[in-house]
Amino acid sequence: MPAKEIEMPARIARLPRDSRGYPIPKFVEEPQEKGGEPDFRIMSDRHYERCVKHGACWICGDPLGSKMAFVVGPMCCVNLISAEPPSHYECAEYSVQVCPFLSIPSAKRREAGLPDEIVSPGGIMIKRNPGVTAIWVTKTYKVARANGGLVIEMGEPIRMEFWCKGRRATREEIDDAVREGFPSLLDAANRQGADAVAEALRMRRAFDHRLALAVVD
């Protein structure tokens, strides 16, 4: 479904727009030049801090309630790590349907033209497009340090659903995304030693158990 035909949540509809008419998420850093166009790839450190300290939505900036939704790839559902704070469920649901990288499996990260001072998030980032995006709904999370940066450890999910091409993913699509992504996670664990490998395999088994309870069309 074209993005313009997808109903926009009221919280997102209140956001300012760029020159194309697209709403500018709160996590986008303001342009350094007056009148400049926002670069949706550059995240605001100030907004990140506001989210983790004061419970603001990563996308719209409004206060969150007791239920929080993380927009993550399948491997984040295995290791329970997110690079970004949570959002309202309706903000997350809208994002997985309209964001090109999240809704188009063939889309690739655009890194050309990024400022030199951009700092990668903590943890180990898998840059490939997983093809499937999860909405992980939980009531808890905590912030931790990893590889010189901050990461978010997601709490146990009360709801977990997967999206692909702007619609709910099929079980086959989910299984394919996990099968293709897990070797990267396992390679990273191998570099850390046998204990890390054992933990990665344990987390994979725990994910398989959670997946049995996930919302799948």
N, C-alpha and C. Protein backbone atom coordinates (compact mmCIF):
# COMPACT_ATOMS: atom_id res chain seq x y z
N MET A 1 0.85 -1.19 0.00
CA MET A 1 0.00 0.00 0.00
C MET A 1 0.88 1.24 0.00
N PRO A 2 0.61 2.23 -0.88
CA PRO A 2 1.40 3.46 -0.88
C PRO A 2 1.35 4.14 0.47
N ALA A 3 2.47 4.77 0.86
CA ALA A 3 2.57 5.40 2.18
C ALA A 3 1.47 6.42 2.41
N LYS A 4 1.10 7.16 1.36
CA LYS A 4 0.09 8.22 1.53
C LYS A 4 -1.29 7.66 1.84
N GLU A 5 -1.50 6.36 1.59
CA GLU A 5 -2.79 5.75 1.85
C GLU A 5 -2.86 5.12 3.24
N ILE A 6 -1.74 5.13 3.97
CA ILE A 6 -1.71 4.55 5.32
C ILE A 6 -2.05 5.64 6.33
N GLU A 7 -3.01 5.38 7.17
CA GLU A 7 -3.46 6.39 8.13
C GLU A 7 -2.32 6.78 9.07
N MET A 8 -2.09 8.07 9.21
CA MET A 8 -1.01 8.58 10.03
C MET A 8 -1.51 8.81 11.46
N PRO A 9 -0.84 8.26 12.47
CA PRO A 9 -1.25 8.52 13.85
C PRO A 9 -1.24 10.01 14.15
N ALA A 10 -2.14 10.45 15.02
CA ALA A 10 -2.26 11.88 15.33
C ALA A 10 -0.95 12.45 15.86
N ARG A 11 -0.23 11.65 16.66
CA ARG A 11 1.03 12.15 17.23
C ARG A 11 2.05 12.44 16.13
N ILE A 12 2.08 11.61 15.09
CA ILE A 12 3.02 11.82 14.00
C ILE A 12 2.53 12.94 13.08
N ALA A 13 1.23 13.05 12.91
CA ALA A 13 0.67 14.10 12.06
C ALA A 13 1.00 15.49 12.58
N ARG A 14 1.26 15.61 13.88
CA ARG A 14 1.58 16.91 14.47
C ARG A 14 3.05 17.30 14.27
N LEU A 15 3.88 16.40 13.80
CA LEU A 15 5.30 16.69 13.61
C LEU A 15 5.50 17.66 12.44
N PRO A 16 6.59 18.42 12.47
CA PRO A 16 6.90 19.28 11.31
C PRO A 16 7.20 18.44 10.08
N ARG A 17 7.12 19.04 8.90
CA ARG A 17 7.34 18.32 7.65
C ARG A 17 8.61 18.84 6.95
N ASP A 18 9.20 17.97 6.14
CA ASP A 18 10.32 18.41 5.31
C ASP A 18 9.76 18.96 4.00
N SER A 19 10.64 19.31 3.07
CA SER A 19 10.20 19.94 1.82
C SER A 19 9.36 19.01 0.96
N ARG A 20 9.46 17.70 1.21
CA ARG A 20 8.68 16.73 0.45
C ARG A 20 7.31 16.49 1.06
N GLY A 21 7.12 17.03 2.28
CA GLY A 21 5.86 16.83 2.97
C GLY A 21 5.86 15.68 3.95
N TYR A 22 7.04 15.03 4.13
CA TYR A 22 7.13 13.92 5.06
C TYR A 22 7.30 14.42 6.49
N PRO A 23 6.63 13.79 7.46
CA PRO A 23 6.84 14.18 8.86
C PRO A 23 8.27 13.88 9.29
N ILE A 24 8.85 14.78 10.08
CA ILE A 24 10.22 14.63 10.55
C ILE A 24 10.20 14.03 11.95
N PRO A 25 10.63 12.78 12.12
CA PRO A 25 10.62 12.16 13.46
C PRO A 25 11.47 12.96 14.44
N LYS A 26 11.13 12.87 15.70
CA LYS A 26 11.85 13.59 16.73
C LYS A 26 13.30 13.15 16.84
N PHE A 27 13.60 11.92 16.43
CA PHE A 27 14.98 11.44 16.58
C PHE A 27 15.94 12.04 15.56
N VAL A 28 15.42 12.74 14.55
CA VAL A 28 16.27 13.31 13.51
C VAL A 28 16.95 14.59 14.04
N GLU A 29 18.27 14.66 13.87
CA GLU A 29 19.03 15.84 14.29
C GLU A 29 18.65 17.05 13.44
N GLU A 30 18.54 18.20 14.09
CA GLU A 30 18.22 19.42 13.34
C GLU A 30 19.39 19.80 12.43
N PRO A 31 19.09 20.32 11.23
CA PRO A 31 20.17 20.72 10.31
C PRO A 31 21.04 21.80 10.95
N GLN A 32 22.35 21.72 10.71
CA GLN A 32 23.25 22.72 11.25
C GLN A 32 23.09 24.06 10.54
N GLU A 33 22.76 24.01 9.26
CA GLU A 33 22.57 25.24 8.50
C GLU A 33 21.11 25.68 8.57
N LYS A 34 20.91 26.96 8.77
CA LYS A 34 19.56 27.50 8.83
C LYS A 34 18.85 27.26 7.49
N GLY A 35 17.68 26.69 7.56
CA GLY A 35 16.92 26.40 6.35
C GLY A 35 17.36 25.13 5.64
N GLY A 36 18.32 24.40 6.23
CA GLY A 36 18.80 23.17 5.61
C GLY A 36 17.80 22.04 5.75
N GLU A 37 17.95 21.04 4.90
CA GLU A 37 17.06 19.88 4.93
C GLU A 37 17.53 18.89 5.99
N PRO A 38 16.63 18.32 6.78
CA PRO A 38 17.02 17.31 7.77
C PRO A 38 17.49 16.04 7.11
N ASP A 39 18.49 15.39 7.69
CA ASP A 39 18.98 14.11 7.20
C ASP A 39 18.46 13.03 8.14
N PHE A 40 17.53 12.22 7.67
CA PHE A 40 16.87 11.24 8.52
C PHE A 40 17.82 10.18 9.05
N ARG A 41 19.04 10.10 8.53
CA ARG A 41 20.02 9.11 8.98
C ARG A 41 20.79 9.58 10.21
N ILE A 42 20.71 10.88 10.53
CA ILE A 42 21.49 11.43 11.63
C ILE A 42 20.60 11.58 12.86
N MET A 43 20.93 10.83 13.90
CA MET A 43 20.11 10.80 15.11
C MET A 43 20.55 11.87 16.11
N SER A 44 19.59 12.39 16.84
CA SER A 44 19.83 13.44 17.83
C SER A 44 20.24 12.82 19.17
N ASP A 45 21.44 13.15 19.64
CA ASP A 45 21.88 12.67 20.95
C ASP A 45 21.01 13.25 22.06
N ARG A 46 20.58 14.50 21.89
CA ARG A 46 19.74 15.13 22.92
C ARG A 46 18.41 14.42 23.05
N HIS A 47 17.84 14.03 21.92
CA HIS A 47 16.55 13.34 21.99
C HIS A 47 16.73 11.94 22.56
N TYR A 48 17.83 11.27 22.23
CA TYR A 48 18.13 9.95 22.81
C TYR A 48 18.15 10.06 24.34
N GLU A 49 18.85 11.07 24.84
CA GLU A 49 18.95 11.24 26.29
C GLU A 49 17.58 11.53 26.90
N ARG A 50 16.78 12.34 26.21
CA ARG A 50 15.44 12.65 26.71
C ARG A 50 14.58 11.40 26.77
N CYS A 51 14.72 10.54 25.78
CA CYS A 51 13.92 9.31 25.74
C CYS A 51 14.26 8.39 26.91
N VAL A 52 15.55 8.15 27.14
CA VAL A 52 15.94 7.18 28.17
C VAL A 52 15.80 7.75 29.58
N LYS A 53 15.86 9.07 29.71
CA LYS A 53 15.74 9.67 31.05
C LYS A 53 14.32 10.02 31.42
N HIS A 54 13.53 10.39 30.43
CA HIS A 54 12.19 10.91 30.73
C HIS A 54 11.06 10.15 30.05
N GLY A 55 11.37 9.04 29.40
CA GLY A 55 10.32 8.20 28.84
C GLY A 55 9.58 8.80 27.67
N ALA A 56 10.31 9.52 26.79
CA ALA A 56 9.68 10.08 25.59
C ALA A 56 9.71 9.07 24.45
N CYS A 57 8.75 9.19 23.55
CA CYS A 57 8.70 8.32 22.37
C CYS A 57 9.83 8.68 21.42
N TRP A 58 10.54 7.69 20.93
CA TRP A 58 11.66 7.90 20.02
C TRP A 58 11.20 8.57 18.72
N ILE A 59 9.99 8.29 18.29
CA ILE A 59 9.51 8.80 16.99
C ILE A 59 8.78 10.13 17.11
N CYS A 60 7.79 10.22 18.00
CA CYS A 60 6.98 11.45 18.07
C CYS A 60 7.39 12.39 19.19
N GLY A 61 8.07 11.88 20.21
CA GLY A 61 8.53 12.72 21.31
C GLY A 61 7.55 12.88 22.45
N ASP A 62 6.32 12.39 22.31
CA ASP A 62 5.35 12.47 23.40
C ASP A 62 5.68 11.45 24.49
N PRO A 63 5.17 11.66 25.71
CA PRO A 63 5.44 10.70 26.80
C PRO A 63 4.89 9.31 26.47
N LEU A 64 5.66 8.29 26.87
CA LEU A 64 5.21 6.92 26.69
C LEU A 64 4.34 6.48 27.86
N GLY A 65 3.56 5.45 27.64
CA GLY A 65 2.79 4.85 28.71
C GLY A 65 3.55 3.66 29.29
N SER A 66 2.83 2.73 29.88
CA SER A 66 3.48 1.57 30.51
C SER A 66 3.94 0.54 29.49
N LYS A 67 3.37 0.58 28.27
CA LYS A 67 3.76 -0.36 27.22
C LYS A 67 4.60 0.39 26.19
N MET A 68 5.75 -0.20 25.83
CA MET A 68 6.69 0.46 24.92
C MET A 68 7.03 -0.48 23.77
N ALA A 69 7.14 0.07 22.58
CA ALA A 69 7.36 -0.73 21.38
C ALA A 69 8.72 -0.42 20.76
N PHE A 70 9.55 -1.44 20.63
CA PHE A 70 10.84 -1.31 19.95
C PHE A 70 10.69 -1.77 18.51
N VAL A 71 11.27 -1.02 17.58
CA VAL A 71 11.31 -1.42 16.18
C VAL A 71 12.71 -1.96 15.93
N VAL A 72 12.82 -3.27 15.73
CA VAL A 72 14.13 -3.92 15.67
C VAL A 72 14.16 -5.02 14.60
N GLY A 73 15.37 -5.45 14.26
CA GLY A 73 15.53 -6.57 13.36
C GLY A 73 15.44 -7.89 14.11
N PRO A 74 15.32 -9.00 13.40
CA PRO A 74 15.19 -10.31 14.05
C PRO A 74 16.33 -10.65 15.00
N MET A 75 17.58 -10.26 14.68
CA MET A 75 18.69 -10.59 15.55
C MET A 75 18.62 -9.83 16.88
N CYS A 76 17.99 -8.65 16.86
CA CYS A 76 17.78 -7.93 18.12
C CYS A 76 16.79 -8.68 19.01
N CYS A 77 15.90 -9.44 18.37
CA CYS A 77 14.96 -10.26 19.13
C CYS A 77 15.65 -11.49 19.71
N VAL A 78 16.80 -11.84 19.16
CA VAL A 78 17.57 -12.96 19.69
C VAL A 78 18.43 -12.51 20.87
N ASN A 79 19.19 -11.42 20.68
CA ASN A 79 20.10 -10.98 21.76
C ASN A 79 19.48 -9.95 22.69
N LEU A 80 18.22 -9.55 22.41
CA LEU A 80 17.45 -8.61 23.27
C LEU A 80 18.08 -7.23 23.34
N ILE A 81 18.82 -6.84 22.30
CA ILE A 81 19.51 -5.55 22.29
C ILE A 81 18.94 -4.65 21.20
N SER A 82 18.69 -3.39 21.55
CA SER A 82 18.27 -2.39 20.58
C SER A 82 19.22 -1.20 20.65
N ALA A 83 19.49 -0.59 19.51
CA ALA A 83 20.32 0.61 19.49
C ALA A 83 19.49 1.86 19.75
N GLU A 84 18.17 1.74 19.63
CA GLU A 84 17.29 2.90 19.75
C GLU A 84 16.26 2.71 20.86
N PRO A 85 15.85 3.81 21.50
CA PRO A 85 14.81 3.74 22.54
C PRO A 85 13.45 3.35 21.94
N PRO A 86 12.49 3.03 22.79
CA PRO A 86 11.18 2.59 22.31
C PRO A 86 10.26 3.74 21.92
N SER A 87 9.14 3.34 21.31
CA SER A 87 8.13 4.29 20.83
C SER A 87 6.75 3.83 21.27
N HIS A 88 5.74 4.64 20.97
CA HIS A 88 4.36 4.17 21.11
C HIS A 88 4.14 3.05 20.08
N TYR A 89 3.25 2.14 20.39
CA TYR A 89 2.97 1.06 19.43
C TYR A 89 2.49 1.63 18.10
N GLU A 90 1.56 2.60 18.13
CA GLU A 90 1.02 3.11 16.88
C GLU A 90 2.08 3.85 16.05
N CYS A 91 3.04 4.49 16.73
CA CYS A 91 4.14 5.13 16.00
C CYS A 91 5.04 4.08 15.35
N ALA A 92 5.29 3.01 16.09
CA ALA A 92 6.11 1.92 15.56
C ALA A 92 5.41 1.23 14.39
N GLU A 93 4.13 0.99 14.52
CA GLU A 93 3.38 0.31 13.46
C GLU A 93 3.37 1.14 12.19
N TYR A 94 3.21 2.45 12.32
CA TYR A 94 3.24 3.33 11.15
C TYR A 94 4.63 3.29 10.49
N SER A 95 5.66 3.31 11.30
CA SER A 95 7.04 3.36 10.79
C SER A 95 7.38 2.11 9.98
N VAL A 96 6.98 0.94 10.45
CA VAL A 96 7.34 -0.29 9.72
C VAL A 96 6.60 -0.40 8.40
N GLN A 97 5.56 0.42 8.23
CA GLN A 97 4.82 0.39 6.97
C GLN A 97 5.31 1.43 5.97
N VAL A 98 5.88 2.54 6.45
CA VAL A 98 6.22 3.62 5.52
C VAL A 98 7.71 3.89 5.38
N CYS A 99 8.53 3.51 6.35
CA CYS A 99 9.97 3.75 6.24
C CYS A 99 10.55 2.86 5.14
N PRO A 100 11.23 3.43 4.15
CA PRO A 100 11.75 2.62 3.04
C PRO A 100 12.65 1.47 3.48
N PHE A 101 13.58 1.72 4.43
CA PHE A 101 14.50 0.66 4.83
C PHE A 101 13.76 -0.46 5.56
N LEU A 102 12.71 -0.10 6.30
CA LEU A 102 11.98 -1.11 7.07
C LEU A 102 10.95 -1.86 6.23
N SER A 103 10.41 -1.21 5.22
CA SER A 103 9.31 -1.82 4.46
C SER A 103 9.73 -2.41 3.12
N ILE A 104 10.96 -2.10 2.66
CA ILE A 104 11.42 -2.61 1.38
C ILE A 104 12.65 -3.51 1.62
N PRO A 105 12.51 -4.81 1.54
CA PRO A 105 13.63 -5.72 1.84
C PRO A 105 14.89 -5.46 1.04
N SER A 106 14.75 -4.95 -0.18
CA SER A 106 15.93 -4.73 -1.03
C SER A 106 16.62 -3.39 -0.73
N ALA A 107 16.00 -2.55 0.11
CA ALA A 107 16.59 -1.24 0.41
C ALA A 107 17.89 -1.41 1.18
N LYS A 108 18.85 -0.56 0.90
CA LYS A 108 20.16 -0.61 1.57
C LYS A 108 20.40 0.68 2.32
N ARG A 109 21.25 0.59 3.36
CA ARG A 109 21.60 1.78 4.13
C ARG A 109 22.41 2.73 3.25
N ARG A 110 22.03 4.00 3.26
CA ARG A 110 22.78 5.02 2.52
C ARG A 110 23.79 5.66 3.46
N GLU A 111 25.06 5.46 3.18
CA GLU A 111 26.10 6.00 4.05
C GLU A 111 26.91 7.10 3.39
N ALA A 112 26.70 7.31 2.10
CA ALA A 112 27.43 8.36 1.39
C ALA A 112 26.99 9.74 1.89
N GLY A 113 27.97 10.61 2.11
CA GLY A 113 27.66 11.97 2.50
C GLY A 113 27.41 12.18 3.97
N LEU A 114 27.55 11.14 4.79
CA LEU A 114 27.38 11.31 6.22
C LEU A 114 28.56 12.09 6.80
N PRO A 115 28.32 12.95 7.80
CA PRO A 115 29.42 13.69 8.42
C PRO A 115 30.46 12.76 9.02
N ASP A 116 31.73 13.18 9.03
CA ASP A 116 32.82 12.36 9.57
C ASP A 116 32.65 12.09 11.06
N GLU A 117 32.00 13.02 11.76
CA GLU A 117 31.91 12.89 13.22
C GLU A 117 30.79 11.97 13.69
N ILE A 118 30.06 11.36 12.75
CA ILE A 118 28.99 10.45 13.15
C ILE A 118 29.58 9.28 13.92
N VAL A 119 28.98 8.97 15.08
CA VAL A 119 29.46 7.88 15.93
C VAL A 119 28.51 6.71 15.82
N SER A 120 29.06 5.54 15.60
CA SER A 120 28.23 4.34 15.52
C SER A 120 27.65 4.00 16.89
N PRO A 121 26.46 3.41 16.94
CA PRO A 121 25.89 3.02 18.23
C PRO A 121 26.69 1.92 18.88
N GLY A 122 26.42 1.71 20.18
CA GLY A 122 27.11 0.64 20.88
C GLY A 122 26.65 -0.72 20.40
N GLY A 123 27.32 -1.76 20.88
CA GLY A 123 26.95 -3.10 20.45
C GLY A 123 27.55 -3.43 19.10
N ILE A 124 27.07 -4.51 18.52
CA ILE A 124 27.55 -4.96 17.21
C ILE A 124 26.43 -4.79 16.21
N MET A 125 26.65 -3.93 15.23
CA MET A 125 25.61 -3.61 14.27
C MET A 125 25.73 -4.49 13.03
N ILE A 126 24.62 -5.11 12.64
CA ILE A 126 24.55 -5.87 11.40
C ILE A 126 23.91 -4.94 10.37
N LYS A 127 24.68 -4.49 9.38
CA LYS A 127 24.22 -3.44 8.49
C LYS A 127 23.31 -3.93 7.37
N ARG A 128 23.28 -5.22 7.12
CA ARG A 128 22.42 -5.73 6.05
C ARG A 128 20.95 -5.51 6.40
N ASN A 129 20.15 -5.35 5.37
CA ASN A 129 18.71 -5.25 5.57
C ASN A 129 18.17 -6.65 5.86
N PRO A 130 17.59 -6.87 7.04
CA PRO A 130 17.13 -8.22 7.37
C PRO A 130 15.90 -8.66 6.58
N GLY A 131 15.23 -7.68 5.93
CA GLY A 131 14.05 -8.02 5.15
C GLY A 131 12.78 -8.11 5.96
N VAL A 132 12.92 -8.35 7.26
CA VAL A 132 11.80 -8.46 8.19
C VAL A 132 12.09 -7.58 9.40
N THR A 133 11.08 -6.87 9.86
CA THR A 133 11.22 -5.99 11.02
C THR A 133 10.25 -6.41 12.10
N ALA A 134 10.71 -6.40 13.34
CA ALA A 134 9.87 -6.78 14.47
C ALA A 134 9.40 -5.56 15.24
N ILE A 135 8.20 -5.65 15.78
CA ILE A 135 7.74 -4.70 16.81
C ILE A 135 7.69 -5.50 18.10
N TRP A 136 8.58 -5.13 19.02
CA TRP A 136 8.75 -5.83 20.30
C TRP A 136 8.13 -4.97 21.39
N VAL A 137 7.01 -5.38 21.92
CA VAL A 137 6.29 -4.60 22.93
C VAL A 137 6.63 -5.14 24.31
N THR A 138 7.05 -4.26 25.20
CA THR A 138 7.46 -4.67 26.53
C THR A 138 7.10 -3.58 27.54
N LYS A 139 7.21 -3.90 28.81
CA LYS A 139 6.98 -2.91 29.86
C LYS A 139 8.27 -2.46 30.52
N THR A 140 9.39 -3.09 30.15
CA THR A 140 10.64 -2.76 30.82
C THR A 140 11.80 -2.73 29.83
N TYR A 141 12.83 -1.98 30.19
CA TYR A 141 14.11 -2.02 29.49
C TYR A 141 15.13 -1.32 30.36
N LYS A 142 16.40 -1.50 30.05
CA LYS A 142 17.45 -0.79 30.76
C LYS A 142 18.57 -0.44 29.80
N VAL A 143 19.30 0.61 30.13
CA VAL A 143 20.40 1.09 29.28
C VAL A 143 21.71 0.53 29.81
N ALA A 144 22.55 0.07 28.90
CA ALA A 144 23.85 -0.50 29.29
C ALA A 144 24.92 -0.01 28.31
N ARG A 145 26.18 -0.24 28.67
CA ARG A 145 27.30 0.13 27.80
C ARG A 145 27.85 -1.11 27.12
N ALA A 146 28.20 -0.95 25.84
CA ALA A 146 28.77 -2.06 25.08
C ALA A 146 29.60 -1.49 23.94
N ASN A 147 30.83 -1.98 23.83
CA ASN A 147 31.72 -1.56 22.73
C ASN A 147 31.86 -0.05 22.62
N GLY A 148 31.96 0.61 23.77
CA GLY A 148 32.20 2.04 23.77
C GLY A 148 30.97 2.91 23.55
N GLY A 149 29.80 2.32 23.51
CA GLY A 149 28.58 3.10 23.31
C GLY A 149 27.45 2.58 24.17
N LEU A 150 26.27 3.16 24.00
CA LEU A 150 25.12 2.74 24.77
C LEU A 150 24.24 1.80 23.95
N VAL A 151 23.70 0.82 24.61
CA VAL A 151 22.71 -0.06 24.01
C VAL A 151 21.54 -0.19 24.97
N ILE A 152 20.44 -0.66 24.47
CA ILE A 152 19.25 -0.85 25.30
C ILE A 152 18.93 -2.33 25.38
N GLU A 153 18.84 -2.83 26.59
CA GLU A 153 18.47 -4.22 26.82
C GLU A 153 16.96 -4.30 26.98
N MET A 154 16.29 -4.89 26.02
CA MET A 154 14.83 -4.94 26.02
C MET A 154 14.31 -5.96 27.03
N GLY A 155 13.23 -5.61 27.71
CA GLY A 155 12.61 -6.53 28.65
C GLY A 155 11.81 -7.60 27.93
N GLU A 156 11.34 -8.56 28.68
CA GLU A 156 10.56 -9.67 28.11
C GLU A 156 9.35 -9.13 27.37
N PRO A 157 9.06 -9.63 26.17
CA PRO A 157 7.95 -9.08 25.40
C PRO A 157 6.59 -9.53 25.92
N ILE A 158 5.62 -8.63 25.83
CA ILE A 158 4.23 -8.99 26.07
C ILE A 158 3.50 -9.16 24.74
N ARG A 159 4.16 -8.72 23.67
CA ARG A 159 3.65 -8.91 22.31
C ARG A 159 4.83 -8.81 21.36
N MET A 160 4.85 -9.65 20.35
CA MET A 160 5.92 -9.63 19.36
C MET A 160 5.30 -9.95 18.01
N GLU A 161 5.50 -9.02 17.06
CA GLU A 161 4.97 -9.23 15.72
C GLU A 161 6.02 -8.82 14.70
N PHE A 162 5.90 -9.35 13.49
CA PHE A 162 6.89 -9.13 12.44
C PHE A 162 6.23 -8.58 11.19
N TRP A 163 6.97 -7.68 10.51
CA TRP A 163 6.45 -7.02 9.32
C TRP A 163 7.42 -7.18 8.17
N CYS A 164 6.88 -7.20 6.96
CA CYS A 164 7.69 -7.31 5.74
C CYS A 164 6.91 -6.67 4.60
N LYS A 165 7.57 -5.79 3.85
CA LYS A 165 6.93 -5.13 2.70
C LYS A 165 5.67 -4.37 3.10
N GLY A 166 5.68 -3.80 4.31
CA GLY A 166 4.56 -2.98 4.75
C GLY A 166 3.35 -3.75 5.23
N ARG A 167 3.50 -5.06 5.42
CA ARG A 167 2.41 -5.91 5.91
C ARG A 167 2.98 -6.90 6.91
N ARG A 168 2.11 -7.62 7.59
CA ARG A 168 2.57 -8.63 8.52
C ARG A 168 3.35 -9.70 7.77
N ALA A 169 4.49 -10.08 8.33
CA ALA A 169 5.33 -11.10 7.70
C ALA A 169 4.73 -12.49 7.89
N THR A 170 5.02 -13.36 6.95
CA THR A 170 4.62 -14.75 7.08
C THR A 170 5.66 -15.48 7.94
N ARG A 171 5.31 -16.64 8.43
CA ARG A 171 6.26 -17.42 9.22
C ARG A 171 7.47 -17.80 8.38
N GLU A 172 7.26 -18.10 7.11
CA GLU A 172 8.38 -18.46 6.24
C GLU A 172 9.36 -17.29 6.10
N GLU A 173 8.83 -16.07 5.95
CA GLU A 173 9.69 -14.89 5.83
C GLU A 173 10.48 -14.65 7.11
N ILE A 174 9.84 -14.87 8.25
CA ILE A 174 10.53 -14.71 9.53
C ILE A 174 11.65 -15.74 9.66
N ASP A 175 11.33 -16.99 9.35
CA ASP A 175 12.33 -18.06 9.46
C ASP A 175 13.52 -17.79 8.54
N ASP A 176 13.25 -17.30 7.32
CA ASP A 176 14.34 -17.01 6.38
C ASP A 176 15.23 -15.89 6.93
N ALA A 177 14.63 -14.85 7.48
CA ALA A 177 15.40 -13.72 8.01
C ALA A 177 16.28 -14.15 9.17
N VAL A 178 15.75 -15.00 10.04
CA VAL A 178 16.53 -15.48 11.19
C VAL A 178 17.64 -16.40 10.72
N ARG A 179 17.35 -17.27 9.81
CA ARG A 179 18.36 -18.20 9.30
C ARG A 179 19.51 -17.46 8.62
N GLU A 180 19.20 -16.38 7.91
CA GLU A 180 20.24 -15.62 7.21
C GLU A 180 21.01 -14.70 8.16
N GLY A 181 20.37 -14.25 9.23
CA GLY A 181 21.02 -13.30 10.12
C GLY A 181 21.81 -13.92 11.26
N PHE A 182 21.41 -15.10 11.73
CA PHE A 182 22.04 -15.68 12.91
C PHE A 182 23.53 -15.98 12.73
N PRO A 183 23.99 -16.40 11.54
CA PRO A 183 25.43 -16.63 11.38
C PRO A 183 26.29 -15.41 11.73
N SER A 184 25.81 -14.21 11.44
CA SER A 184 26.56 -12.99 11.79
C SER A 184 26.67 -12.85 13.29
N LEU A 185 25.58 -13.15 13.99
CA LEU A 185 25.59 -13.09 15.45
C LEU A 185 26.53 -14.16 16.01
N LEU A 186 26.51 -15.33 15.40
CA LEU A 186 27.35 -16.43 15.87
C LEU A 186 28.83 -16.14 15.59
N ASP A 187 29.13 -15.50 14.45
CA ASP A 187 30.51 -15.13 14.14
C ASP A 187 31.05 -14.16 15.19
N ALA A 188 30.23 -13.19 15.59
CA ALA A 188 30.66 -12.24 16.61
C ALA A 188 30.91 -12.95 17.93
N ALA A 189 30.06 -13.93 18.25
CA ALA A 189 30.25 -14.69 19.49
C ALA A 189 31.52 -15.53 19.43
N ASN A 190 31.82 -16.10 18.26
CA ASN A 190 33.03 -16.91 18.09
C ASN A 190 34.29 -16.11 18.40
N ARG A 191 34.26 -14.83 18.04
CA ARG A 191 35.43 -13.98 18.30
C ARG A 191 35.61 -13.70 19.78
N GLN A 192 34.57 -13.94 20.57
CA GLN A 192 34.64 -13.68 22.01
C GLN A 192 34.91 -14.94 22.83
N GLY A 193 34.77 -16.10 22.21
CA GLY A 193 35.09 -17.33 22.92
C GLY A 193 33.92 -18.28 23.09
N ALA A 194 34.22 -19.43 23.70
CA ALA A 194 33.24 -20.51 23.82
C ALA A 194 32.03 -20.11 24.66
N ASP A 195 32.26 -19.35 25.73
CA ASP A 195 31.12 -18.94 26.58
C ASP A 195 30.14 -18.08 25.80
N ALA A 196 30.67 -17.18 24.96
CA ALA A 196 29.81 -16.31 24.17
C ALA A 196 29.02 -17.12 23.14
N VAL A 197 29.64 -18.13 22.57
CA VAL A 197 28.95 -18.99 21.61
C VAL A 197 27.82 -19.74 22.30
N ALA A 198 28.10 -20.28 23.48
CA ALA A 198 27.07 -21.01 24.23
C ALA A 198 25.90 -20.08 24.57
N GLU A 199 26.22 -18.83 24.92
CA GLU A 199 25.16 -17.87 25.25
C GLU A 199 24.35 -17.51 24.01
N ALA A 200 25.01 -17.37 22.87
CA ALA A 200 24.29 -17.07 21.63
C ALA A 200 23.33 -18.20 21.27
N LEU A 201 23.77 -19.43 21.43
CA LEU A 201 22.91 -20.57 21.13
C LEU A 201 21.75 -20.65 22.11
N ARG A 202 22.01 -20.31 23.38
CA ARG A 202 20.92 -20.29 24.38
C ARG A 202 19.89 -19.23 24.02
N MET A 203 20.37 -18.05 23.61
CA MET A 203 19.45 -16.97 23.24
C MET A 203 18.63 -17.34 22.01
N ARG A 204 19.25 -18.07 21.10
CA ARG A 204 18.51 -18.51 19.91
C ARG A 204 17.38 -19.46 20.31
N ARG A 205 17.66 -20.37 21.22
CA ARG A 205 16.61 -21.29 21.67
C ARG A 205 15.48 -20.53 22.37
N ALA A 206 15.85 -19.53 23.18
CA ALA A 206 14.83 -18.72 23.87
C ALA A 206 13.99 -17.95 22.86
N PHE A 207 14.63 -17.45 21.80
CA PHE A 207 13.89 -16.74 20.76
C PHE A 207 12.90 -17.68 20.07
N ASP A 208 13.34 -18.89 19.76
CA ASP A 208 12.45 -19.85 19.10
C ASP A 208 11.21 -20.10 19.96
N HIS A 209 11.39 -20.14 21.28
CA HIS A 209 10.26 -20.33 22.18
C HIS A 209 9.32 -19.13 22.12
N ARG A 210 9.88 -17.91 22.13
CA ARG A 210 9.06 -16.70 22.06
C ARG A 210 8.34 -16.64 20.72
N LEU A 211 9.01 -17.04 19.65
CA LEU A 211 8.43 -16.97 18.32
C LEU A 211 7.16 -17.81 18.22
N ALA A 212 7.12 -18.88 18.96
CA ALA A 212 5.93 -19.73 18.95
C ALA A 212 4.70 -18.98 19.47
N LEU A 213 4.95 -17.93 20.25
CA LEU A 213 3.85 -17.14 20.83
C LEU A 213 3.63 -15.82 20.09
N ALA A 214 4.41 -15.57 19.03
CA ALA A 214 4.34 -14.29 18.33
C ALA A 214 3.07 -14.19 17.49
N VAL A 215 2.72 -12.94 17.18
CA VAL A 215 1.57 -12.67 16.31
C VAL A 215 2.03 -12.83 14.87
N VAL A 216 1.54 -13.85 14.19
CA VAL A 216 1.95 -14.13 12.81
C VAL A 216 0.72 -14.34 11.96
N ASP A 217 0.68 -13.67 10.80
CA ASP A 217 -0.47 -13.85 9.88
C ASP A 217 -0.28 -15.11 9.05
